[in-house]
Protein backbone atom coordinates (compact mmCIF):
# COMPACT_ATOMS: atom_id res chain seq x y z
CA MET A 1 27.74 -41.19 -34.03
CA GLN A 2 24.55 -40.62 -33.05
CA PHE A 3 22.79 -37.30 -33.27
CA VAL A 4 21.90 -36.74 -29.77
CA ASP A 5 25.88 -37.15 -29.06
CA LYS A 6 26.73 -34.97 -31.81
CA GLN A 7 24.00 -32.82 -30.13
CA ALA A 8 25.88 -32.46 -26.95
CA ALA A 9 29.14 -31.57 -28.35
CA LEU A 10 27.76 -29.06 -30.31
CA THR A 11 26.06 -27.43 -27.45
CA LEU A 12 29.56 -28.03 -25.61
CA GLU A 13 31.34 -26.04 -28.45
CA ALA A 14 28.38 -23.74 -28.69
CA GLU A 15 29.72 -22.41 -24.98
CA LYS A 16 33.05 -22.42 -25.90
CA CYS A 17 32.68 -20.50 -28.79
CA LEU A 18 30.52 -17.55 -27.57
CA PRO A 19 32.82 -14.66 -27.04
CA GLU A 20 30.91 -13.21 -23.97
CA GLN A 21 27.63 -14.71 -22.97
CA LEU A 22 24.89 -12.78 -21.68
CA PRO A 23 23.53 -14.50 -18.29
CA ASN A 24 20.43 -12.72 -18.56
CA LYS A 25 19.86 -13.46 -22.49
CA HIS A 26 18.71 -17.30 -22.73
CA LEU A 27 18.57 -18.41 -26.46
CA LEU A 28 16.84 -21.92 -27.26
CA LEU A 29 17.16 -23.13 -30.61
CA VAL A 30 15.13 -26.15 -31.59
CA ASP A 31 15.87 -27.92 -35.26
CA ASP A 32 16.51 -31.53 -35.97
CA GLU A 33 19.15 -30.58 -38.81
CA GLU A 34 22.41 -30.62 -37.19
CA ASN A 35 23.84 -28.29 -39.88
CA VAL A 36 20.67 -25.99 -39.14
CA LEU A 37 22.11 -25.66 -35.60
CA ARG A 38 25.26 -24.93 -36.61
CA SER A 39 24.44 -22.38 -38.79
CA LEU A 40 22.13 -20.82 -36.51
CA GLN A 41 25.25 -20.71 -33.88
CA ARG A 42 27.55 -19.44 -36.18
CA VAL A 43 25.60 -16.55 -36.82
CA LEU A 44 23.89 -15.64 -33.21
CA ARG A 45 26.73 -16.63 -30.91
CA ARG A 46 28.53 -13.39 -32.17
CA ASP A 47 25.83 -11.27 -30.13
CA GLY A 48 26.93 -12.94 -26.67
CA TYR A 49 23.30 -14.81 -25.79
CA THR A 50 23.58 -17.84 -23.74
CA LEU A 51 22.57 -20.38 -26.34
CA HIS A 52 20.41 -23.69 -25.68
CA LEU A 53 20.44 -26.29 -28.51
CA ALA A 54 17.62 -28.85 -28.70
CA ASN A 55 17.37 -31.28 -31.60
CA SER A 56 13.77 -32.13 -31.23
CA ALA A 57 10.17 -30.84 -29.35
CA GLU A 58 10.53 -32.94 -26.46
CA LYS A 59 14.55 -32.46 -25.73
CA ALA A 60 13.42 -28.51 -25.74
CA LEU A 61 10.62 -28.80 -23.09
CA GLN A 62 13.19 -30.66 -20.95
CA ILE A 63 15.26 -27.84 -21.40
CA LEU A 64 12.60 -25.13 -20.72
CA ALA A 65 11.73 -26.99 -17.72
CA SER A 66 15.33 -26.85 -16.26
CA GLN A 67 16.33 -23.80 -17.67
CA PRO A 68 14.62 -20.08 -18.25
CA VAL A 69 14.67 -19.41 -21.49
CA ASP A 70 13.69 -16.14 -22.53
CA VAL A 71 13.58 -16.16 -26.80
CA ILE A 72 12.72 -19.54 -28.72
CA LEU A 73 13.35 -20.02 -32.51
CA SER A 74 12.17 -23.43 -33.45
CA ASP A 75 11.92 -25.09 -36.93
CA HIS A 76 8.41 -26.42 -37.94
CA ARG A 77 9.18 -29.31 -40.00
CA MET A 78 10.31 -31.78 -37.00
CA PRO A 79 9.63 -35.46 -36.55
CA GLY A 80 7.57 -36.58 -33.67
CA GLN A 81 5.99 -32.81 -33.06
CA SER A 82 5.96 -30.42 -35.42
CA GLY A 83 7.33 -26.70 -34.78
CA THR A 84 3.69 -25.22 -34.63
CA GLU A 85 2.40 -28.08 -31.87
CA PHE A 86 5.52 -27.24 -29.68
CA LEU A 87 4.95 -23.36 -29.88
CA SER A 88 1.57 -23.70 -28.96
CA LYS A 89 2.60 -26.27 -25.90
CA VAL A 90 5.17 -23.46 -24.73
CA LYS A 91 2.88 -20.72 -25.39
CA ASP A 92 0.37 -22.64 -22.66
CA LEU A 93 3.28 -23.61 -20.37
CA TYR A 94 5.44 -20.82 -20.60
CA PRO A 95 3.25 -17.68 -21.67
CA ARG A 96 6.41 -14.87 -21.16
CA THR A 97 8.83 -16.63 -23.45
CA VAL A 98 9.25 -15.07 -26.98
CA ARG A 99 8.19 -17.76 -29.58
CA LEU A 100 9.79 -17.40 -33.44
CA MET A 101 8.92 -20.28 -36.12
CA LEU A 102 11.94 -20.52 -38.65
CA SER A 103 10.48 -22.69 -41.76
CA GLY A 104 10.14 -22.65 -45.42
CA TYR A 105 8.04 -20.45 -47.51
CA THR A 106 5.56 -23.84 -48.71
CA GLU A 107 4.93 -24.14 -45.03
CA VAL A 108 3.36 -20.78 -44.58
CA ARG A 109 -0.24 -22.00 -44.67
CA SER A 110 0.43 -24.74 -41.98
CA VAL A 111 1.72 -22.73 -39.47
CA THR A 112 -0.96 -19.70 -40.11
CA SER A 113 -3.17 -21.03 -37.29
CA ALA A 114 -0.12 -21.01 -34.78
CA ILE A 115 0.08 -16.88 -35.89
CA ASN A 116 -3.50 -16.28 -35.42
CA GLU A 117 -3.68 -17.84 -31.67
CA GLY A 118 -0.54 -16.17 -30.86
CA ALA A 119 1.72 -18.99 -30.39
CA ILE A 120 4.22 -17.42 -32.78
CA TYR A 121 6.03 -13.65 -32.03
CA LYS A 122 7.22 -13.82 -35.40
CA PHE A 123 7.44 -16.35 -38.58
CA LEU A 124 11.18 -16.27 -40.24
CA THR A 125 11.50 -18.06 -43.71
CA LYS A 126 14.50 -20.20 -45.08
CA PRO A 127 16.83 -19.54 -46.36
CA TRP A 128 17.53 -16.65 -44.04
CA ASP A 129 19.32 -13.46 -44.20
CA ASP A 130 21.80 -13.30 -41.28
CA ASP A 131 21.66 -9.99 -40.36
CA GLN A 132 17.85 -10.09 -40.87
CA LEU A 133 17.73 -12.85 -38.26
CA ARG A 134 19.68 -11.45 -36.19
CA ALA A 135 18.08 -8.18 -35.93
CA ASN A 136 14.64 -10.10 -35.14
CA ILE A 137 16.28 -11.85 -32.60
CA LYS A 138 17.42 -8.68 -30.83
CA GLU A 139 13.54 -7.17 -31.17
CA ALA A 140 12.22 -10.50 -29.56
CA PHE A 141 14.58 -9.96 -26.57
CA GLN A 142 13.58 -6.58 -26.79
CA ARG A 143 9.75 -7.65 -26.53
CA HIS A 144 10.49 -9.77 -23.90
CA GLU A 145 12.70 -7.21 -21.96
CA MET A 146 9.56 -5.01 -22.08
CA GLU A 147 7.06 -7.48 -21.03
CA SER A 148 9.44 -8.13 -17.59
CA GLU A 149 10.02 -4.53 -17.13
CA ASN A 150 6.10 -4.28 -17.54
CA LEU A 151 5.14 -7.13 -15.60
CA ARG A 152 7.89 -5.92 -12.72
CA LEU A 153 5.75 -2.88 -12.67
CA HIS A 154 2.50 -4.31 -12.59
CA LEU A 155 3.59 -6.06 -9.56
CA GLN A 156 5.05 -2.99 -7.81
CA VAL A 157 1.82 -1.20 -8.65
CA GLU A 158 -0.33 -4.13 -7.04
CA GLU A 159 2.46 -4.13 -4.10
CA ILE A 160 1.98 -0.57 -3.59
CA ASN A 161 -1.74 -0.73 -3.78
CA SER A 162 -1.88 -3.53 -1.38
CA GLU A 163 0.56 -1.82 1.06
CA LEU A 164 -2.06 1.55 0.40
CA LEU A 165 -5.28 -0.90 1.45
CA GLN A 166 -3.68 -1.90 4.32
CA LEU A 167 -2.78 1.55 5.31
CA ASN A 168 -6.10 2.74 4.68
CA HIS A 169 -7.81 -0.18 6.73
CA ALA A 170 -5.63 0.70 9.77
CA LEU A 171 -6.49 4.10 9.27
CA GLU A 172 -10.05 3.64 8.73
CA GLN A 173 -9.62 1.18 12.28
CA GLU A 174 -7.92 3.85 14.12
CA LEU A 175 -10.83 6.53 13.22
CA GLN A 176 -13.43 3.90 14.02
CA ASP A 177 -11.63 3.30 17.49
CA ARG A 178 -10.88 7.15 18.33
CA ASN A 179 -14.87 7.75 17.18
CA GLN A 180 -15.89 5.34 20.18
CA ARG A 181 -13.21 6.45 22.56
CA ILE A 182 -14.95 10.11 21.65
CA GLU A 183 -18.46 8.73 22.14
CA ARG A 184 -17.54 6.84 25.64
CA ASP A 185 -15.73 10.20 26.54
CA THR A 186 -18.78 12.23 25.41
CA SER A 187 -21.26 9.66 27.18
CA VAL A 188 -18.92 10.04 30.56
CA VAL A 189 -19.09 13.89 30.09
CA CYS A 190 -22.78 13.93 29.97
CA VAL A 191 -23.39 11.53 32.84
CA MET A 192 -20.82 13.86 34.76
CA GLN A 193 -22.94 16.86 33.55
CA GLU A 194 -26.36 14.70 35.05
CA ILE A 195 -24.45 14.08 38.16
CA LEU A 196 -23.26 17.90 38.70
CA ASP A 197 -26.83 19.39 37.70
CA TYR A 198 -28.58 17.23 40.51
CA MET A 199 -26.07 17.90 43.45
CA PRO A 200 -27.22 20.17 46.06
CA LEU A 201 -24.43 22.63 45.78
CA GLY A 202 -23.35 25.29 42.67
CA VAL A 203 -20.53 24.02 40.45
CA LEU A 204 -18.92 26.36 38.36
CA GLY A 205 -15.88 26.05 36.06
CA ILE A 206 -13.81 29.10 35.10
CA ASP A 207 -10.80 29.23 32.55
CA SER A 208 -7.68 30.85 33.04
CA ALA A 209 -9.15 33.86 30.96
CA ALA A 210 -12.13 34.42 33.45
CA GLU A 211 -14.57 33.13 31.13
CA VAL A 212 -17.43 30.67 32.55
CA VAL A 213 -17.45 27.33 30.67
CA TRP A 214 -19.49 25.51 33.23
CA VAL A 215 -22.37 26.16 35.65
CA ASN A 216 -24.61 23.49 37.28
CA ARG A 217 -28.54 23.65 37.73
CA TRP A 218 -28.29 24.17 41.22
CA ALA A 219 -26.03 27.51 40.63
CA ALA A 220 -28.08 28.96 37.70
CA GLU A 221 -31.08 28.57 39.63
CA LEU A 222 -29.40 30.27 42.34
CA PHE A 223 -28.11 33.12 39.88
CA GLY A 224 -32.22 33.11 38.76
CA SER A 225 -31.13 32.10 35.12
CA PRO A 226 -30.56 29.19 32.79
CA SER A 227 -27.06 27.61 32.62
CA ALA A 228 -26.78 28.78 29.06
CA THR A 229 -27.20 32.35 29.79
CA PHE A 230 -23.65 32.10 31.67
CA MET A 231 -21.99 29.98 29.36
CA THR A 232 -18.91 31.18 27.46
CA GLN A 233 -19.37 34.77 29.07
CA SER A 234 -17.08 36.69 31.19
CA VAL A 235 -17.32 36.23 34.85
CA ARG A 236 -18.82 39.72 35.15
CA CYS A 237 -21.73 38.17 34.03
CA LEU A 238 -22.28 36.42 37.50
CA PRO A 239 -23.88 38.28 40.48
CA SER A 240 -21.55 39.98 43.14
CA PRO A 241 -19.27 39.02 44.48
CA LEU A 242 -18.18 36.50 42.26
CA PRO A 243 -16.70 38.09 39.54
CA ASP A 244 -14.22 39.91 41.70
CA LEU A 245 -13.35 36.85 44.14
CA ILE A 246 -12.52 35.03 40.79
CA ASP A 247 -10.48 37.63 39.26
CA GLU A 248 -9.01 38.52 42.32
CA TYR A 249 -8.20 34.27 42.07
CA LEU A 250 -7.18 34.25 38.94
CA PHE A 251 -4.92 37.26 38.68
CA GLY A 252 -3.68 37.57 42.07
CA PHE A 253 -1.21 34.69 41.76
CA ASP A 254 -2.41 32.76 44.51
CA LEU A 255 -3.67 29.55 43.66
CA GLN A 256 -4.32 28.40 47.14
CA PRO A 257 -7.88 27.29 47.48
CA GLN A 258 -9.66 30.23 48.81
CA THR A 259 -12.97 30.11 51.35
CA HIS A 260 -15.44 32.93 51.49
CA ASN A 261 -18.61 33.96 53.27
CA ALA A 262 -21.65 35.71 51.01
CA ASN A 263 -24.65 36.76 50.19
CA LEU A 264 -25.64 36.05 46.51
CA ARG A 265 -28.94 37.76 45.83
CA GLY A 266 -30.17 37.28 49.22
CA VAL A 267 -28.85 34.06 50.10
CA ASP A 268 -26.20 33.35 52.42
CA VAL A 269 -23.58 31.23 50.85
CA LEU A 270 -20.06 29.75 51.46
CA ILE A 271 -17.69 30.00 48.47
CA GLU A 272 -14.91 28.03 47.57
CA ILE A 273 -12.34 28.50 45.32
CA LYS A 274 -10.15 25.92 44.27
CA PRO A 275 -7.26 25.42 41.49
CA MET A 276 -8.17 23.38 38.43
CA GLY A 277 -5.65 21.11 36.45
CA LEU A 278 -4.34 19.14 39.54
CA ARG A 279 -5.54 16.10 38.47
CA SER A 280 -5.81 17.61 34.41
CA ASP A 281 -4.47 19.35 31.23
CA SER A 282 -7.35 22.07 32.19
CA SER A 283 -6.77 25.21 33.48
CA GLY A 284 -8.33 28.26 35.77
CA CYS A 285 -10.40 27.49 38.61
CA LEU A 286 -13.65 25.65 40.18
CA VAL A 287 -15.81 27.45 42.33
CA LEU A 288 -18.14 25.79 44.74
CA VAL A 289 -21.09 27.51 46.19
CA HIS A 290 -23.00 25.80 49.44
CA THR A 291 -25.32 27.04 51.67
CA ALA A 292 -23.54 28.68 54.08
CA GLY A 293 -22.48 26.28 57.00
CA LYS A 294 -21.67 23.50 54.60
CA SER A 295 -18.36 23.18 52.63
CA SER A 296 -17.12 20.21 50.74
């Protein structure tokens, strides 16, 4: 029987003999000697690994191309392609696989370059001690699990960072949009204030606490002081009879529009008081002062 046929039978036997395979722990054993593979199988099957057996580097690469493998234990002296060449290639193709080499003491020098280049995680010698071999294989799987967990955490951190960047971009865009809205609203307010300043009547905005929040230029000129004199002040700063009329309107519980004829600083005027908040969230009242005989 050719060795390849024996290899297939050996693989089937290994699968039957394992007490309980660990689907997430795949171990690839590579050696061109059948008796060595049988010995390795006998020692390592008790640990429950899913074993994959290959009698050459070429066969091993075929297994790696079709099956995820965590740990590889390879002989060094093999026909066609040495273990050093094989594991160096595995390092390039499957860098997350933990790679161990098993060879004789006399071949240490020939694998030194592979060890120095990082292609080999550990070098184990023949003949091996069973317990030491099992301990090294267990340690290799622990290393693979640790690296896999580190990779998972790294990817998780990258994902979180990506989400944070997207969130930050969205917040920056929202802030930019909000600033643009504020600039636009501010511009509209400035235009409205300018329009009100040039209107040929007095316009006063009074809040619900009876404080002056707006006085246009026409009214300020009529009152004899700059607009800033009255802003944020109590209505008591306004000329009579405006304070009493406004207090009576705001605190008299009658929010119907009112009209009064009055004399302000020697000028006969028509005073209209109207409620605020009918078309906005504002409160208080709007006071319009016209030349007598004219109203809006």
